[in-house]
């Protein structure tokens, strides 16, 4: 690049890495671009490659016919066993009813019918933590709760648009099996409540800006804790987040919510040693893991989706596209 001070080997390195020297901030004592400047710029720029994101389609749903065998394999029911009677107060039987019964039935059905595939990746979420800190101090977010879950939710919505099959569902009809692709996101948030596990969802989350999404998350969480979640709040979800990090858990293989094809778990965010530019530094690190219906989405789609979420947590500026 004309006007840029850089030695010939540095210019060759920039050409090899596809770096425009005019875009590099020099750090040399005489204002020259150093090797470290080029390598750092290349590593940062690589995060932003291939970030073009499609627009949400005008059609909300479409179905894809799926050929299936004439005779589906059936799973024999598990033999029933009676619980032992209490002995000297050492045991007790708790009737399974209400939310617990519904959850058990739904999770058993999901585990037996949807072939789960799980993936996970460790993420340097330091910039996400910096963004959360800035938002908390912003007057625009003074009256709303901000947490890493907000950035995770934004990342999920962004990544869904790039890999829409994770937001689809397998549907058995009289005409045969179909894959229903939803061009909208009803984002489910798994919530542990005194009533048991609930998964209310934020309708049309793709239409919300960051502040609106933060408000919707806060309202959803508060409603669940107060036991005021309605059946309508839990219906129609398309993909789910489970925030297992609040329990100090790093990763897991969650069971997919029925009617969906994916669930992503956000693990605990802890300070850990992390290699940055060849040096070990303390960084805020988390693990993003997820389970997906392998009938609906293949391994490449699953991997791309999780990698996209990781990219946003590493560099939230991607959400500005």
C-alpha atoms as a PDB file:
ATOM      1  CA  UNK A   1       0.000   0.000   0.000  1.00  0.00           C
ATOM      2  CA  UNK A   2       1.350   3.424  -1.022  1.00  0.00           C
ATOM      3  CA  UNK A   3       2.244   5.671   1.912  1.00  0.00           C
ATOM      4  CA  UNK A   4       2.483   2.809   4.413  1.00  0.00           C
ATOM      5  CA  UNK A   5       5.853   2.288   6.083  1.00  0.00           C
ATOM      6  CA  UNK A   6       6.652  -1.437   6.082  1.00  0.00           C
ATOM      7  CA  UNK A   7       9.679  -3.545   5.257  1.00  0.00           C
ATOM      8  CA  UNK A   8       9.542  -5.871   2.200  1.00  0.00           C
ATOM      9  CA  UNK A   9       9.145  -9.058   4.310  1.00  0.00           C
ATOM     10  CA  UNK A  10       6.189  -7.467   6.129  1.00  0.00           C
ATOM     11  CA  UNK A  11       4.588  -6.511   2.794  1.00  0.00           C
ATOM     12  CA  UNK A  12       4.988 -10.077   1.555  1.00  0.00           C
ATOM     13  CA  UNK A  13       3.458 -11.427   4.775  1.00  0.00           C
ATOM     14  CA  UNK A  14       0.493  -9.079   4.339  1.00  0.00           C
ATOM     15  CA  UNK A  15      -0.030 -10.276   0.742  1.00  0.00           C
ATOM     16  CA  UNK A  16       0.143 -13.915   1.853  1.00  0.00           C
ATOM     17  CA  UNK A  17      -2.444 -13.306   4.590  1.00  0.00           C
ATOM     18  CA  UNK A  18      -4.729 -11.192   2.405  1.00  0.00           C
ATOM     19  CA  UNK A  19      -4.234  -8.096   4.576  1.00  0.00           C
ATOM     20  CA  UNK A  20      -4.438  -4.574   3.146  1.00  0.00           C
ATOM     21  CA  UNK A  21      -1.629  -2.668   4.867  1.00  0.00           C
ATOM     22  CA  UNK A  22      -3.642   0.538   4.606  1.00  0.00           C
ATOM     23  CA  UNK A  23      -6.104  -0.948   7.102  1.00  0.00           C
ATOM     24  CA  UNK A  24      -3.437  -1.934   9.648  1.00  0.00           C
ATOM     25  CA  UNK A  25      -2.697   0.282  12.643  1.00  0.00           C
ATOM     26  CA  UNK A  26       1.114   0.514  12.927  1.00  0.00           C
ATOM     27  CA  UNK A  27       2.814   0.092  16.282  1.00  0.00           C
ATOM     28  CA  UNK A  28       6.467   0.476  15.302  1.00  0.00           C
ATOM     29  CA  UNK A  29       8.608   3.128  16.957  1.00  0.00           C
ATOM     30  CA  UNK A  30       8.988   4.986  13.652  1.00  0.00           C
ATOM     31  CA  UNK A  31       5.350   4.506  12.660  1.00  0.00           C
ATOM     32  CA  UNK A  32       6.068   1.391  10.633  1.00  0.00           C
ATOM     33  CA  UNK A  33       3.844  -1.686  10.408  1.00  0.00           C
ATOM     34  CA  UNK A  34       5.367  -4.638  12.240  1.00  0.00           C
ATOM     35  CA  UNK A  35       4.940  -8.353  11.777  1.00  0.00           C
ATOM     36  CA  UNK A  36       2.827  -8.494  14.953  1.00  0.00           C
ATOM     37  CA  UNK A  37       0.546  -5.758  13.559  1.00  0.00           C
ATOM     38  CA  UNK A  38      -0.122  -7.783  10.403  1.00  0.00           C
ATOM     39  CA  UNK A  39      -0.702 -11.066  12.241  1.00  0.00           C
ATOM     40  CA  UNK A  40      -3.036  -9.421  14.773  1.00  0.00           C
ATOM     41  CA  UNK A  41      -5.032  -7.702  12.022  1.00  0.00           C
ATOM     42  CA  UNK A  42      -5.313 -10.960  10.071  1.00  0.00           C
ATOM     43  CA  UNK A  43      -6.588 -12.869  13.113  1.00  0.00           C
ATOM     44  CA  UNK A  44      -9.188 -10.191  13.829  1.00  0.00           C
ATOM     45  CA  UNK A  45     -10.261  -9.877  10.212  1.00  0.00           C
ATOM     46  CA  UNK A  46     -10.799 -13.626   9.940  1.00  0.00           C
ATOM     47  CA  UNK A  47     -13.630 -13.323  12.447  1.00  0.00           C
ATOM     48  CA  UNK A  48     -15.469 -11.006  10.082  1.00  0.00           C
ATOM     49  CA  UNK A  49     -15.149 -13.054   6.899  1.00  0.00           C
ATOM     50  CA  UNK A  50     -18.260 -14.686   5.506  1.00  0.00           C
ATOM     51  CA  UNK A  51     -20.610 -12.719   7.745  1.00  0.00           C
ATOM     52  CA  UNK A  52     -23.227 -11.792   5.170  1.00  0.00           C
ATOM     53  CA  UNK A  53     -26.560 -12.630   6.756  1.00  0.00           C
ATOM     54  CA  UNK A  54     -29.753 -13.260   4.777  1.00  0.00           C
ATOM     55  CA  UNK A  55     -32.909 -11.295   5.383  1.00  0.00           C
ATOM     56  CA  UNK A  56     -35.917 -12.895   7.040  1.00  0.00           C
ATOM     57  CA  UNK A  57     -38.239 -14.221   4.332  1.00  0.00           C
ATOM     58  CA  UNK A  58     -41.751 -12.920   3.777  1.00  0.00           C
ATOM     59  CA  UNK A  59     -43.165 -16.479   4.048  1.00  0.00           C
ATOM     60  CA  UNK A  60     -43.275 -17.552   7.698  1.00  0.00           C
ATOM     61  CA  UNK A  61     -43.162 -21.308   7.145  1.00  0.00           C
ATOM     62  CA  UNK A  62     -42.547 -23.873   4.433  1.00  0.00           C
ATOM     63  CA  UNK A  63     -42.614 -27.653   4.416  1.00  0.00           C
ATOM     64  CA  UNK A  64     -40.203 -30.069   2.821  1.00  0.00           C
ATOM     65  CA  UNK A  65     -41.557 -33.603   2.103  1.00  0.00           C
ATOM     66  CA  UNK A  66     -39.371 -36.322   3.614  1.00  0.00           C
ATOM     67  CA  UNK A  67     -39.385 -39.907   2.268  1.00  0.00           C
ATOM     68  CA  UNK A  68     -39.746 -42.392   5.109  1.00  0.00           C
ATOM     69  CA  UNK A  69     -40.018 -46.198   5.228  1.00  0.00           C
ATOM     70  CA  UNK A  70     -43.515 -47.681   5.074  1.00  0.00           C
ATOM     71  CA  UNK A  71     -43.095 -49.423   8.393  1.00  0.00           C
ATOM     72  CA  UNK A  72     -41.436 -47.392  11.082  1.00  0.00           C
ATOM     73  CA  UNK A  73     -39.603 -49.211  13.798  1.00  0.00           C
ATOM     74  CA  UNK A  74     -41.487 -49.118  17.044  1.00  0.00           C
ATOM     75  CA  UNK A  75     -39.922 -48.790  20.426  1.00  0.00           C
ATOM     76  CA  UNK A  76     -41.346 -51.274  22.957  1.00  0.00           C
ATOM     77  CA  UNK A  77     -42.605 -49.680  26.142  1.00  0.00           C
ATOM     78  CA  UNK A  78     -40.477 -50.078  29.208  1.00  0.00           C
ATOM     79  CA  UNK A  79     -41.792 -52.615  31.704  1.00  0.00           C
ATOM     80  CA  UNK A  80     -43.665 -51.024  34.548  1.00  0.00           C
ATOM     81  CA  UNK A  81     -42.458 -51.476  38.088  1.00  0.00           C
ATOM     82  CA  UNK A  82     -44.144 -50.570  41.315  1.00  0.00           C
ATOM     83  CA  UNK A  83     -42.311 -48.431  43.801  1.00  0.00           C
ATOM     84  CA  UNK A  84     -41.269 -50.064  47.057  1.00  0.00           C
ATOM     85  CA  UNK A  85     -43.327 -49.212  50.069  1.00  0.00           C
ATOM     86  CA  UNK A  86     -41.796 -46.773  52.566  1.00  0.00           C
ATOM     87  CA  UNK A  87     -39.818 -48.494  55.307  1.00  0.00           C
ATOM     88  CA  UNK A  88     -39.301 -46.780  58.683  1.00  0.00           C
ATOM     89  CA  UNK A  89     -39.544 -43.361  57.064  1.00  0.00           C
ATOM     90  CA  UNK A  90     -36.375 -43.993  55.037  1.00  0.00           C
ATOM     91  CA  UNK A  91     -38.216 -43.645  51.729  1.00  0.00           C
ATOM     92  CA  UNK A  92     -41.175 -41.755  50.388  1.00  0.00           C
ATOM     93  CA  UNK A  93     -43.118 -41.735  47.145  1.00  0.00           C
ATOM     94  CA  UNK A  94     -43.867 -38.444  45.417  1.00  0.00           C
ATOM     95  CA  UNK A  95     -46.831 -38.561  43.001  1.00  0.00           C
ATOM     96  CA  UNK A  96     -45.866 -37.381  39.528  1.00  0.00           C
ATOM     97  CA  UNK A  97     -48.433 -34.917  38.272  1.00  0.00           C
ATOM     98  CA  UNK A  98     -48.829 -31.436  36.847  1.00  0.00           C
ATOM     99  CA  UNK A  99     -45.781 -29.786  35.306  1.00  0.00           C
ATOM    100  CA  UNK A 100     -43.440 -32.604  36.349  1.00  0.00           C
ATOM    101  CA  UNK A 101     -45.635 -35.221  34.656  1.00  0.00           C
ATOM    102  CA  UNK A 102     -45.963 -33.169  31.476  1.00  0.00           C
ATOM    103  CA  UNK A 103     -42.207 -32.515  31.379  1.00  0.00           C
ATOM    104  CA  UNK A 104     -41.360 -36.178  31.910  1.00  0.00           C
ATOM    105  CA  UNK A 105     -43.714 -37.247  29.127  1.00  0.00           C
ATOM    106  CA  UNK A 106     -42.412 -34.628  26.694  1.00  0.00           C
ATOM    107  CA  UNK A 107     -38.734 -35.319  27.377  1.00  0.00           C
ATOM    108  CA  UNK A 108     -39.202 -39.096  27.132  1.00  0.00           C
ATOM    109  CA  UNK A 109     -40.999 -38.716  23.821  1.00  0.00           C
ATOM    110  CA  UNK A 110     -38.287 -36.396  22.492  1.00  0.00           C
ATOM    111  CA  UNK A 111     -35.445 -38.686  23.579  1.00  0.00           C
ATOM    112  CA  UNK A 112     -37.098 -41.759  22.010  1.00  0.00           C
ATOM    113  CA  UNK A 113     -38.204 -40.195  18.719  1.00  0.00           C
ATOM    114  CA  UNK A 114     -35.567 -37.585  17.820  1.00  0.00           C
ATOM    115  CA  UNK A 115     -32.020 -38.891  17.228  1.00  0.00           C
ATOM    116  CA  UNK A 116     -29.985 -36.372  19.200  1.00  0.00           C
ATOM    117  CA  UNK A 117     -26.544 -35.200  18.093  1.00  0.00           C
ATOM    118  CA  UNK A 118     -24.568 -32.956  20.448  1.00  0.00           C
ATOM    119  CA  UNK A 119     -21.645 -30.589  19.870  1.00  0.00           C
ATOM    120  CA  UNK A 120     -19.819 -28.008  21.985  1.00  0.00           C
ATOM    121  CA  UNK A 121     -17.049 -25.413  21.762  1.00  0.00           C
ATOM    122  CA  UNK A 122     -15.074 -23.315  24.255  1.00  0.00           C
ATOM    123  CA  UNK A 123     -15.367 -19.575  23.682  1.00  0.00           C
ATOM    124  CA  UNK A 124     -13.424 -16.490  24.753  1.00  0.00           C
ATOM    125  CA  UNK A 125     -16.397 -14.354  25.818  1.00  0.00           C
ATOM    126  CA  UNK A 126     -14.332 -11.450  27.184  1.00  0.00           C
ATOM    127  CA  UNK A 127     -15.759  -8.973  24.677  1.00  0.00           C
ATOM    128  CA  UNK A 128     -19.274 -10.143  25.491  1.00  0.00           C
ATOM    129  CA  UNK A 129     -18.593  -9.405  29.158  1.00  0.00           C
ATOM    130  CA  UNK A 130     -17.253  -5.968  28.197  1.00  0.00           C
ATOM    131  CA  UNK A 131     -20.399  -5.284  26.178  1.00  0.00           C
ATOM    132  CA  UNK A 132     -22.630  -6.384  29.058  1.00  0.00           C
ATOM    133  CA  UNK A 133     -20.749  -4.003  31.357  1.00  0.00           C
ATOM    134  CA  UNK A 134     -21.209  -1.113  28.911  1.00  0.00           C
ATOM    135  CA  UNK A 135     -24.909  -1.826  28.452  1.00  0.00           C
ATOM    136  CA  UNK A 136     -25.446  -1.940  32.210  1.00  0.00           C
ATOM    137  CA  UNK A 137     -23.972   1.551  32.517  1.00  0.00           C
ATOM    138  CA  UNK A 138     -25.918   2.889  29.526  1.00  0.00           C
ATOM    139  CA  UNK A 139     -28.899   5.171  30.284  1.00  0.00           C
ATOM    140  CA  UNK A 140     -30.852   3.337  27.562  1.00  0.00           C
ATOM    141  CA  UNK A 141     -30.708   0.130  29.638  1.00  0.00           C
ATOM    142  CA  UNK A 142     -31.019   1.703  33.090  1.00  0.00           C
ATOM    143  CA  UNK A 143     -34.430   0.171  33.762  1.00  0.00           C
ATOM    144  CA  UNK A 144     -33.863  -3.293  32.301  1.00  0.00           C
ATOM    145  CA  UNK A 145     -31.739  -6.233  33.399  1.00  0.00           C
ATOM    146  CA  UNK A 146     -28.743  -7.003  31.205  1.00  0.00           C
ATOM    147  CA  UNK A 147     -26.805 -10.278  31.355  1.00  0.00           C
ATOM    148  CA  UNK A 148     -24.705 -12.464  29.045  1.00  0.00           C
ATOM    149  CA  UNK A 149     -27.935 -14.353  28.270  1.00  0.00           C
ATOM    150  CA  UNK A 150     -29.091 -11.286  26.329  1.00  0.00           C
ATOM    151  CA  UNK A 151     -26.053 -11.426  24.033  1.00  0.00           C
ATOM    152  CA  UNK A 152     -26.487 -15.193  23.753  1.00  0.00           C
ATOM    153  CA  UNK A 153     -30.096 -14.703  22.648  1.00  0.00           C
ATOM    154  CA  UNK A 154     -29.058 -12.149  20.032  1.00  0.00           C
ATOM    155  CA  UNK A 155     -26.341 -14.539  18.841  1.00  0.00           C
ATOM    156  CA  UNK A 156     -28.853 -17.381  18.531  1.00  0.00           C
ATOM    157  CA  UNK A 157     -31.241 -15.295  16.431  1.00  0.00           C
ATOM    158  CA  UNK A 158     -28.396 -14.123  14.189  1.00  0.00           C
ATOM    159  CA  UNK A 159     -27.068 -17.650  13.737  1.00  0.00           C
ATOM    160  CA  UNK A 160     -30.531 -19.092  12.987  1.00  0.00           C
ATOM    161  CA  UNK A 161     -30.859 -16.773  10.022  1.00  0.00           C
ATOM    162  CA  UNK A 162     -27.655 -18.241   8.585  1.00  0.00           C
ATOM    163  CA  UNK A 163     -28.600 -21.881   9.308  1.00  0.00           C
ATOM    164  CA  UNK A 164     -32.436 -21.956   9.258  1.00  0.00           C
ATOM    165  CA  UNK A 165     -32.704 -25.760   9.490  1.00  0.00           C
ATOM    166  CA  UNK A 166     -31.831 -25.656  13.203  1.00  0.00           C
ATOM    167  CA  UNK A 167     -35.062 -23.689  13.623  1.00  0.00           C
ATOM    168  CA  UNK A 168     -37.136 -26.255  11.735  1.00  0.00           C
ATOM    169  CA  UNK A 169     -39.187 -29.222  12.969  1.00  0.00           C
ATOM    170  CA  UNK A 170     -39.889 -32.796  11.919  1.00  0.00           C
ATOM    171  CA  UNK A 171     -43.607 -33.293  11.357  1.00  0.00           C
ATOM    172  CA  UNK A 172     -45.413 -36.579  10.678  1.00  0.00           C
ATOM    173  CA  UNK A 173     -48.559 -36.114   8.582  1.00  0.00           C
ATOM    174  CA  UNK A 174     -51.046 -38.383   6.808  1.00  0.00           C
ATOM    175  CA  UNK A 175     -49.187 -37.640   3.571  1.00  0.00           C
ATOM    176  CA  UNK A 176     -45.840 -38.579   5.097  1.00  0.00           C
ATOM    177  CA  UNK A 177     -43.060 -36.925   7.044  1.00  0.00           C
ATOM    178  CA  UNK A 178     -42.178 -33.303   6.411  1.00  0.00           C
ATOM    179  CA  UNK A 179     -39.612 -30.823   7.642  1.00  0.00           C
ATOM    180  CA  UNK A 180     -41.267 -27.547   8.593  1.00  0.00           C
ATOM    181  CA  UNK A 181     -38.913 -24.599   8.197  1.00  0.00           C
ATOM    182  CA  UNK A 182     -39.919 -21.562  10.260  1.00  0.00           C
ATOM    183  CA  UNK A 183     -38.831 -18.160   8.957  1.00  0.00           C
ATOM    184  CA  UNK A 184     -39.251 -16.596  12.378  1.00  0.00           C
ATOM    185  CA  UNK A 185     -37.896 -17.324  15.846  1.00  0.00           C
ATOM    186  CA  UNK A 186     -40.058 -18.009  18.874  1.00  0.00           C
ATOM    187  CA  UNK A 187     -37.104 -18.198  21.228  1.00  0.00           C
ATOM    188  CA  UNK A 188     -37.626 -20.585  24.141  1.00  0.00           C
ATOM    189  CA  UNK A 189     -35.870 -19.994  27.459  1.00  0.00           C
ATOM    190  CA  UNK A 190     -35.718 -23.044  29.741  1.00  0.00           C
ATOM    191  CA  UNK A 191     -36.597 -21.844  33.239  1.00  0.00           C
ATOM    192  CA  UNK A 192     -36.314 -23.758  36.510  1.00  0.00           C
ATOM    193  CA  UNK A 193     -39.276 -22.775  38.686  1.00  0.00           C
ATOM    194  CA  UNK A 194     -40.904 -24.075  41.874  1.00  0.00           C
ATOM    195  CA  UNK A 195     -43.436 -25.773  39.588  1.00  0.00           C
ATOM    196  CA  UNK A 196     -40.714 -27.566  37.658  1.00  0.00           C
ATOM    197  CA  UNK A 197     -39.031 -26.960  34.306  1.00  0.00           C
ATOM    198  CA  UNK A 198     -40.903 -24.541  32.050  1.00  0.00           C
ATOM    199  CA  UNK A 199     -39.958 -23.416  28.551  1.00  0.00           C
ATOM    200  CA  UNK A 200     -41.828 -20.211  27.727  1.00  0.00           C
ATOM    201  CA  UNK A 201     -40.823 -18.506  24.511  1.00  0.00           C
ATOM    202  CA  UNK A 202     -40.453 -14.992  23.155  1.00  0.00           C
ATOM    203  CA  UNK A 203     -42.674 -14.712  20.092  1.00  0.00           C
ATOM    204  CA  UNK A 204     -41.093 -13.279  16.907  1.00  0.00           C
ATOM    205  CA  UNK A 205     -37.840 -12.578  18.711  1.00  0.00           C
ATOM    206  CA  UNK A 206     -36.188 -11.805  15.370  1.00  0.00           C
ATOM    207  CA  UNK A 207     -38.146  -8.534  15.193  1.00  0.00           C
ATOM    208  CA  UNK A 208     -36.875  -7.186  18.530  1.00  0.00           C
ATOM    209  CA  UNK A 209     -33.948  -4.845  19.002  1.00  0.00           C
ATOM    210  CA  UNK A 210     -31.501  -5.406  21.848  1.00  0.00           C
ATOM    211  CA  UNK A 211     -33.417  -3.334  24.394  1.00  0.00           C
ATOM    212  CA  UNK A 212     -36.751  -4.940  23.454  1.00  0.00           C
ATOM    213  CA  UNK A 213     -35.202  -8.391  23.688  1.00  0.00           C
ATOM    214  CA  UNK A 214     -33.747  -7.564  27.125  1.00  0.00           C
ATOM    215  CA  UNK A 215     -37.174  -6.435  28.291  1.00  0.00           C
ATOM    216  CA  UNK A 216     -38.827  -9.594  26.911  1.00  0.00           C
ATOM    217  CA  UNK A 217     -36.253 -11.826  28.661  1.00  0.00           C
ATOM    218  CA  UNK A 218     -36.781 -10.011  31.945  1.00  0.00           C
ATOM    219  CA  UNK A 219     -40.562 -10.300  31.709  1.00  0.00           C
ATOM    220  CA  UNK A 220     -40.408 -13.975  30.731  1.00  0.00           C
ATOM    221  CA  UNK A 221     -38.097 -14.832  33.642  1.00  0.00           C
ATOM    222  CA  UNK A 222     -40.105 -12.881  36.202  1.00  0.00           C
ATOM    223  CA  UNK A 223     -43.394 -14.405  35.021  1.00  0.00           C
ATOM    224  CA  UNK A 224     -41.948 -17.920  35.254  1.00  0.00           C
ATOM    225  CA  UNK A 225     -40.584 -17.395  38.771  1.00  0.00           C
ATOM    226  CA  UNK A 226     -43.929 -16.047  39.941  1.00  0.00           C
ATOM    227  CA  UNK A 227     -45.709 -19.095  38.535  1.00  0.00           C
ATOM    228  CA  UNK A 228     -47.728 -17.006  36.085  1.00  0.00           C
ATOM    229  CA  UNK A 229     -46.538 -18.605  32.853  1.00  0.00           C
ATOM    230  CA  UNK A 230     -49.558 -19.516  30.721  1.00  0.00           C
ATOM    231  CA  UNK A 231     -49.890 -22.477  28.331  1.00  0.00           C
ATOM    232  CA  UNK A 232     -49.870 -19.993  25.420  1.00  0.00           C
ATOM    233  CA  UNK A 233     -46.475 -18.711  26.616  1.00  0.00           C
ATOM    234  CA  UNK A 234     -45.052 -22.226  26.206  1.00  0.00           C
ATOM    235  CA  UNK A 235     -46.607 -23.092  22.843  1.00  0.00           C
ATOM    236  CA  UNK A 236     -45.145 -22.509  19.409  1.00  0.00           C
ATOM    237  CA  UNK A 237     -41.451 -22.416  20.334  1.00  0.00           C
ATOM    238  CA  UNK A 238     -38.976 -22.928  17.493  1.00  0.00           C
ATOM    239  CA  UNK A 239     -35.596 -23.229  19.283  1.00  0.00           C
ATOM    240  CA  UNK A 240     -34.494 -23.056  22.916  1.00  0.00           C
ATOM    241  CA  UNK A 241     -31.703 -21.721  25.136  1.00  0.00           C
ATOM    242  CA  UNK A 242     -30.967 -23.326  28.487  1.00  0.00           C
ATOM    243  CA  UNK A 243     -28.750 -21.230  30.742  1.00  0.00           C
ATOM    244  CA  UNK A 244     -27.033 -23.952  32.742  1.00  0.00           C
ATOM    245  CA  UNK A 245     -24.237 -21.558  33.651  1.00  0.00           C
ATOM    246  CA  UNK A 246     -26.341 -20.039  36.437  1.00  0.00           C
ATOM    247  CA  UNK A 247     -25.894 -23.349  38.273  1.00  0.00           C
ATOM    248  CA  UNK A 248     -22.116 -23.317  37.805  1.00  0.00           C
ATOM    249  CA  UNK A 249     -22.260 -25.992  35.081  1.00  0.00           C
ATOM    250  CA  UNK A 250     -19.874 -25.742  32.122  1.00  0.00           C
ATOM    251  CA  UNK A 251     -21.596 -27.830  29.441  1.00  0.00           C
ATOM    252  CA  UNK A 252     -24.222 -30.489  28.847  1.00  0.00           C
ATOM    253  CA  UNK A 253     -26.201 -32.471  26.309  1.00  0.00           C
ATOM    254  CA  UNK A 254     -29.745 -31.127  26.793  1.00  0.00           C
ATOM    255  CA  UNK A 255     -32.828 -32.884  25.446  1.00  0.00           C
ATOM    256  CA  UNK A 256     -34.612 -31.087  22.629  1.00  0.00           C
ATOM    257  CA  UNK A 257     -37.932 -29.466  23.429  1.00  0.00           C
ATOM    258  CA  UNK A 258     -40.714 -31.325  21.525  1.00  0.00           C
ATOM    259  CA  UNK A 259     -41.668 -29.630  18.259  1.00  0.00           C
ATOM    260  CA  UNK A 260     -38.200 -28.159  17.819  1.00  0.00           C
ATOM    261  CA  UNK A 261     -34.935 -29.302  16.251  1.00  0.00           C
ATOM    262  CA  UNK A 262     -32.363 -27.679  18.512  1.00  0.00           C
ATOM    263  CA  UNK A 263     -31.512 -26.547  22.016  1.00  0.00           C
ATOM    264  CA  UNK A 264     -28.361 -24.652  22.989  1.00  0.00           C
ATOM    265  CA  UNK A 265     -26.825 -24.517  26.464  1.00  0.00           C
ATOM    266  CA  UNK A 266     -24.812 -21.551  27.739  1.00  0.00           C
ATOM    267  CA  UNK A 267     -22.294 -22.682  30.330  1.00  0.00           C
ATOM    268  CA  UNK A 268     -20.770 -20.821  33.249  1.00  0.00           C
ATOM    269  CA  UNK A 269     -18.550 -17.878  32.292  1.00  0.00           C
ATOM    270  CA  UNK A 270     -15.323 -18.049  34.293  1.00  0.00           C
ATOM    271  CA  UNK A 271     -11.915 -16.460  34.162  1.00  0.00           C
ATOM    272  CA  UNK A 272      -9.461 -18.987  32.755  1.00  0.00           C
ATOM    273  CA  UNK A 273      -6.007 -18.938  31.158  1.00  0.00           C
ATOM    274  CA  UNK A 274      -6.360 -18.402  27.395  1.00  0.00           C
ATOM    275  CA  UNK A 275      -3.742 -17.993  24.669  1.00  0.00           C
ATOM    276  CA  UNK A 276      -3.926 -14.540  23.023  1.00  0.00           C
ATOM    277  CA  UNK A 277      -1.326 -13.548  20.420  1.00  0.00           C
ATOM    278  CA  UNK A 278       0.981 -16.287  21.682  1.00  0.00           C
ATOM    279  CA  UNK A 279       0.672 -15.263  25.329  1.00  0.00           C
ATOM    280  CA  UNK A 280      -1.325 -16.862  28.131  1.00  0.00           C
ATOM    281  CA  UNK A 281      -3.727 -14.321  29.617  1.00  0.00           C
ATOM    282  CA  UNK A 282      -6.748 -14.466  31.931  1.00  0.00           C
ATOM    283  CA  UNK A 283      -9.935 -14.283  29.825  1.00  0.00           C
ATOM    284  CA  UNK A 284     -13.638 -14.805  30.412  1.00  0.00           C
ATOM    285  CA  UNK A 285     -14.277 -18.247  28.960  1.00  0.00           C
ATOM    286  CA  UNK A 286     -17.488 -20.201  28.500  1.00  0.00           C
ATOM    287  CA  UNK A 287     -18.675 -23.315  26.702  1.00  0.00           C
ATOM    288  CA  UNK A 288     -21.518 -23.327  24.204  1.00  0.00           C
ATOM    289  CA  UNK A 289     -23.078 -26.752  23.736  1.00  0.00           C
ATOM    290  CA  UNK A 290     -26.190 -27.965  22.010  1.00  0.00           C
ATOM    291  CA  UNK A 291     -28.302 -30.926  20.945  1.00  0.00           C
ATOM    292  CA  UNK A 292     -30.045 -31.200  17.588  1.00  0.00           C
ATOM    293  CA  UNK A 293     -32.475 -33.478  15.766  1.00  0.00           C
ATOM    294  CA  UNK A 294     -30.294 -35.333  13.264  1.00  0.00           C
ATOM    295  CA  UNK A 295     -33.337 -36.069  11.101  1.00  0.00           C
ATOM    296  CA  UNK A 296     -33.668 -32.355  10.405  1.00  0.00           C
ATOM    297  CA  UNK A 297     -30.160 -30.931  10.414  1.00  0.00           C
ATOM    298  CA  UNK A 298     -26.860 -32.555   9.462  1.00  0.00           C
ATOM    299  CA  UNK A 299     -23.496 -32.280  11.149  1.00  0.00           C
ATOM    300  CA  UNK A 300     -22.198 -29.479   8.946  1.00  0.00           C
ATOM    301  CA  UNK A 301     -25.224 -27.322   9.718  1.00  0.00           C
ATOM    302  CA  UNK A 302     -24.973 -28.044  13.445  1.00  0.00           C
ATOM    303  CA  UNK A 303     -21.277 -27.200  13.484  1.00  0.00           C
ATOM    304  CA  UNK A 304     -21.757 -24.007  11.479  1.00  0.00           C
ATOM    305  CA  UNK A 305     -24.563 -22.891  13.787  1.00  0.00           C
ATOM    306  CA  UNK A 306     -22.578 -23.412  16.999  1.00  0.00           C
ATOM    307  CA  UNK A 307     -19.508 -21.799  15.407  1.00  0.00           C
ATOM    308  CA  UNK A 308     -21.595 -18.747  14.476  1.00  0.00           C
ATOM    309  CA  UNK A 309     -22.825 -18.382  18.057  1.00  0.00           C
ATOM    310  CA  UNK A 310     -19.243 -18.682  19.295  1.00  0.00           C
ATOM    311  CA  UNK A 311     -18.112 -16.012  16.818  1.00  0.00           C
ATOM    312  CA  UNK A 312     -20.690 -13.534  18.128  1.00  0.00           C
ATOM    313  CA  UNK A 313     -19.797 -14.196  21.765  1.00  0.00           C
ATOM    314  CA  UNK A 314     -16.139 -13.638  20.850  1.00  0.00           C
ATOM    315  CA  UNK A 315     -16.930 -10.526  18.816  1.00  0.00           C
ATOM    316  CA  UNK A 316     -20.385  -9.023  19.470  1.00  0.00           C
ATOM    317  CA  UNK A 317     -19.727  -6.406  16.775  1.00  0.00           C
ATOM    318  CA  UNK A 318     -20.869  -9.073  14.314  1.00  0.00           C
ATOM    319  CA  UNK A 319     -24.411  -8.230  15.413  1.00  0.00           C
ATOM    320  CA  UNK A 320     -24.065  -4.861  13.736  1.00  0.00           C
ATOM    321  CA  UNK A 321     -24.259  -6.339  10.215  1.00  0.00           C
END
